[in-house]
Protein backbone atom coordinates (compact mmCIF):
# COMPACT_ATOMS: atom_id res chain seq x y z
CA MET A 1 93.35 56.03 87.47
CA GLU A 2 90.78 56.97 90.09
CA PRO A 3 88.90 60.15 89.28
CA ARG A 4 90.45 62.43 92.09
CA ALA A 5 94.48 61.04 91.44
CA GLU A 6 93.61 61.79 87.61
CA ALA A 7 92.24 65.34 88.78
CA CYS A 8 95.45 66.23 90.90
CA ALA A 9 97.56 64.65 88.14
CA ASP A 10 95.77 67.39 85.76
CA GLN A 11 96.48 70.25 88.39
CA ASP A 12 100.02 69.14 88.46
CA ARG A 13 100.19 69.60 84.75
CA LEU A 14 98.52 73.01 84.93
CA LEU A 15 101.24 74.16 87.69
CA GLN A 16 103.89 72.84 85.90
CA ARG A 17 103.02 74.61 82.64
CA ALA A 18 102.02 77.73 84.80
CA ALA A 19 105.31 77.93 86.39
CA THR A 20 106.92 78.23 82.84
CA GLY A 21 104.85 81.23 82.22
CA ASP A 22 101.91 79.69 80.35
CA ALA A 23 98.85 82.20 81.29
CA GLN A 24 96.16 79.66 79.73
CA ALA A 25 97.14 77.24 82.58
CA TRP A 26 97.47 79.94 85.03
CA GLY A 27 94.08 81.42 84.15
CA ALA A 28 92.78 77.73 84.20
CA LEU A 29 94.10 77.49 87.82
CA LEU A 30 92.66 80.64 89.10
CA THR A 31 89.04 79.60 87.66
CA GLU A 32 89.29 76.55 89.57
CA HIS A 33 89.55 78.20 92.84
CA GLU A 34 87.28 81.16 92.07
CA ALA A 35 83.87 79.69 93.31
CA ARG A 36 85.52 79.05 96.80
CA LEU A 37 87.10 82.35 97.17
CA CYS A 38 84.07 84.06 96.39
CA ARG A 39 82.38 82.06 99.05
CA MET A 40 85.35 83.23 101.39
CA VAL A 41 84.81 86.92 100.35
CA ALA A 42 80.97 86.72 100.84
CA PHE A 43 81.49 85.55 104.18
CA ARG A 44 84.30 87.99 105.34
CA LEU A 45 82.95 91.24 103.65
CA ASP A 46 81.43 93.74 106.23
CA PRO A 47 77.91 93.90 106.18
CA ARG A 48 78.11 97.63 105.70
CA LEU A 49 79.55 96.97 102.30
CA ARG A 50 77.08 94.40 100.99
CA GLY A 51 75.43 95.80 98.09
CA ARG A 52 78.11 98.01 97.25
CA VAL A 53 80.96 95.78 96.86
CA ASP A 54 80.63 92.49 94.63
CA ALA A 55 82.35 89.40 95.94
CA ALA A 56 83.41 88.51 92.44
CA ASP A 57 85.11 91.88 91.67
CA VAL A 58 86.87 91.58 95.01
CA VAL A 59 88.23 88.22 93.78
CA GLN A 60 89.28 89.23 90.18
CA ASP A 61 91.06 92.58 91.89
CA ALA A 62 93.08 89.81 93.90
CA TYR A 63 93.88 88.08 90.83
CA LEU A 64 95.47 91.11 89.31
CA GLY A 65 97.87 91.07 92.22
CA ALA A 66 98.18 87.29 91.97
CA ALA A 67 99.34 87.37 88.46
CA ALA A 68 101.95 89.64 89.30
CA GLN A 69 102.95 87.96 92.69
CA ARG A 70 103.17 84.19 90.84
CA ALA A 71 106.83 84.11 90.89
CA ASP A 72 106.57 84.29 94.64
CA TYR A 73 104.14 81.19 94.71
CA PHE A 74 106.17 78.99 92.65
CA ALA A 75 108.95 79.58 95.01
CA LEU A 76 107.25 78.31 97.74
CA ARG A 77 105.51 75.31 95.83
CA PRO A 78 105.14 72.56 96.90
CA SER A 79 104.93 73.20 100.30
CA LEU A 80 102.11 75.30 100.11
CA PRO A 81 98.79 74.45 97.99
CA LEU A 82 97.79 77.09 95.34
CA PHE A 83 94.26 77.56 96.94
CA LEU A 84 95.83 78.80 100.35
CA TRP A 85 98.28 80.83 98.77
CA LEU A 86 95.36 82.34 96.80
CA ARG A 87 93.16 82.77 99.77
CA GLY A 88 95.99 84.78 101.33
CA VAL A 89 96.05 87.13 98.48
CA VAL A 90 92.44 87.61 98.21
CA ALA A 91 92.25 87.96 102.52
CA ASN A 92 94.55 91.16 102.19
CA LYS A 93 92.31 92.38 99.12
CA VAL A 94 89.30 92.46 101.60
CA LEU A 95 91.30 93.88 104.24
CA GLU A 96 92.20 96.67 101.81
CA VAL A 97 88.52 97.16 100.52
CA HIS A 98 87.45 97.64 104.47
CA ARG A 99 89.94 100.05 104.65
CA HIS A 100 89.18 102.11 101.39
CA HIS A 101 85.45 102.09 102.04
CA LEU A 102 85.56 102.19 106.02
CA GLY A 103 88.46 103.49 106.82
CA THR A 104 89.25 100.79 109.32
CA HIS A 105 92.36 98.82 110.49
CA MET A 106 90.99 95.27 110.82
CA ARG A 107 93.44 92.55 111.59
CA ASP A 108 93.82 89.66 109.75
CA ALA A 109 91.96 87.13 112.47
CA ALA A 110 93.49 83.82 111.24
CA ARG A 111 97.01 85.15 111.59
CA GLU A 112 96.36 86.85 115.20
CA ALA A 113 94.27 83.44 115.95
CA GLY A 114 97.35 81.44 115.08
CA ARG A 115 99.57 83.46 117.68
CA GLY A 116 97.08 82.50 120.63
CA ARG A 117 95.24 85.69 121.06
CA ARG A 118 91.68 85.47 122.99
CA GLY A 119 88.84 87.17 123.38
CA ALA A 120 88.73 90.32 121.40
CA PRO A 121 85.88 90.97 118.79
CA ASP A 122 87.25 91.23 115.34
CA ALA A 123 86.14 91.17 111.95
CA THR A 124 85.69 87.41 111.94
CA SER A 125 83.29 87.54 114.81
CA ALA A 126 81.36 90.65 113.20
CA ALA A 127 81.00 88.45 110.01
CA LEU A 128 79.49 85.27 112.23
CA VAL A 129 77.02 87.73 113.92
CA ALA A 130 75.96 88.98 110.58
CA HIS A 131 75.55 85.59 109.13
CA LEU A 132 73.98 84.03 112.07
CA ALA A 133 71.31 86.66 112.50
CA GLY A 134 70.54 86.93 109.03
CA ARG A 135 69.74 83.58 109.20
CA ALA A 136 67.12 83.98 112.25
CA THR A 137 63.59 82.81 112.00
CA GLY A 138 62.63 85.05 114.95
CA PRO A 139 62.63 86.68 117.31
CA ALA A 140 59.11 88.42 115.78
CA THR A 141 60.14 92.04 117.02
CA ALA A 142 62.85 94.37 116.15
CA ALA A 143 63.60 95.22 119.75
CA ALA A 144 63.68 91.31 120.40
CA ARG A 145 65.93 90.65 117.17
CA ALA A 146 68.28 93.57 118.10
CA GLU A 147 68.51 92.21 121.83
CA ALA A 148 69.24 88.55 120.47
CA THR A 149 71.74 90.01 118.15
CA ALA A 150 73.59 92.07 120.97
CA ARG A 151 73.71 88.95 123.25
CA LEU A 152 75.06 86.77 120.32
CA ARG A 153 77.67 89.24 119.56
CA ASP A 154 78.55 89.35 123.36
CA ALA A 155 78.86 85.25 123.23
CA LEU A 156 80.95 84.94 120.50
CA GLY A 157 83.21 87.72 121.71
CA ALA A 158 83.55 85.79 124.78
CA MET A 159 84.91 82.46 122.79
CA ASP A 160 88.45 81.98 122.03
CA GLU A 161 89.36 83.55 118.88
CA VAL A 162 90.95 80.42 117.47
CA ASP A 163 87.43 78.65 118.01
CA ARG A 164 85.72 81.54 116.25
CA GLU A 165 88.17 81.29 113.29
CA VAL A 166 88.04 77.61 112.84
CA LEU A 167 84.15 77.86 113.06
CA ALA A 168 84.21 80.52 110.27
CA MET A 169 86.61 78.69 108.13
CA ARG A 170 85.08 75.10 108.67
CA HIS A 171 81.58 76.21 108.56
CA PHE A 172 81.25 79.09 106.40
CA GLU A 173 84.16 78.90 104.01
CA GLN A 174 84.02 75.21 103.97
CA LEU A 175 87.71 74.35 104.36
CA SER A 176 88.73 70.95 104.98
CA ASN A 177 90.17 70.29 108.23
CA GLY A 178 93.45 70.24 106.78
CA GLU A 179 93.37 73.54 105.36
CA ALA A 180 92.05 75.25 107.85
CA ALA A 181 95.05 73.82 110.38
CA ARG A 182 97.58 75.07 107.96
CA VAL A 183 96.02 78.56 107.98
CA LEU A 184 96.14 78.45 111.62
CA GLY A 185 99.55 77.17 111.83
CA THR A 186 98.24 73.72 113.95
CA GLN A 187 97.89 70.16 113.61
CA GLU A 188 95.08 68.82 111.58
CA ARG A 189 93.82 66.80 114.14
CA ALA A 190 93.58 69.81 116.60
CA ALA A 191 91.84 71.74 114.28
CA ALA A 192 89.38 69.14 113.77
CA LYS A 193 89.05 68.98 117.60
CA ARG A 194 88.54 72.37 118.05
CA TYR A 195 86.00 72.52 115.26
CA VAL A 196 83.74 69.92 116.82
CA ARG A 197 84.02 71.63 120.27
CA ALA A 198 83.19 75.28 119.08
CA LEU A 199 80.42 73.92 116.85
CA LYS A 200 78.64 72.34 119.74
CA ARG A 201 79.50 75.52 121.91
CA LEU A 202 78.01 77.73 119.44
CA LYS A 203 74.91 75.64 118.78
CA ASP A 204 74.37 75.89 122.42
CA LEU A 205 74.38 79.62 122.69
CA LEU A 206 72.21 79.84 119.68
CA ALA A 207 69.36 77.68 121.37
CA ALA A 208 69.66 80.10 124.77
CA LEU A 209 69.16 83.55 122.83
CA PRO A 210 65.85 84.78 123.02
CA GLY A 211 63.55 83.32 119.94
CA GLY A 212 66.19 81.00 119.44
CA LEU A 213 68.40 82.35 116.58
CA THR A 214 68.59 78.85 114.95
CA GLY A 215 69.96 78.71 111.60
CA LEU A 216 73.41 76.72 112.13
CA LYS A 217 73.43 73.32 110.87
């Protein structure tokens, strides 16, 4: 059996055991997805909370809720991969953390993007700005950097919300085209095309900013 097929078979066996209430199997499944989910939280977490809230702690808190809800997941299986179900649980926990610490009412951007909303700045746009500006090698002065960041924020705000979301999921969360398509409720081929188009547009926007806010590869 090829390594990938063997890994899938191993996960199926774990899922079957977890469905019967095997806590050890359930824990092994959670551990398998923890690093990807921590990466998602690190990207999605509001910059004001970095240093105050640890991504791993958010994931562990979400896992407590997931354990209580796992019967809901097994009622959906096999139509929904476990990782995507866990990602939804963790995303809700991130929104809860934002509301608790910041008193905000942030939307689930992926859900809204799947409904075809356009243009309005959201948590995804803020996360993109924070990460892209944080990677910048220029501009040299604080004023020039602030201007470049403001222009980047305006440019991202003008992008279609689905494009922003597919950029976030594919480039920063490193979801596959298929996973991103499932979250957005679209076809895999369409998600792939949107990603290529959105990435090119964003690179063009970055190149045009003062000092060239590079850092996107």
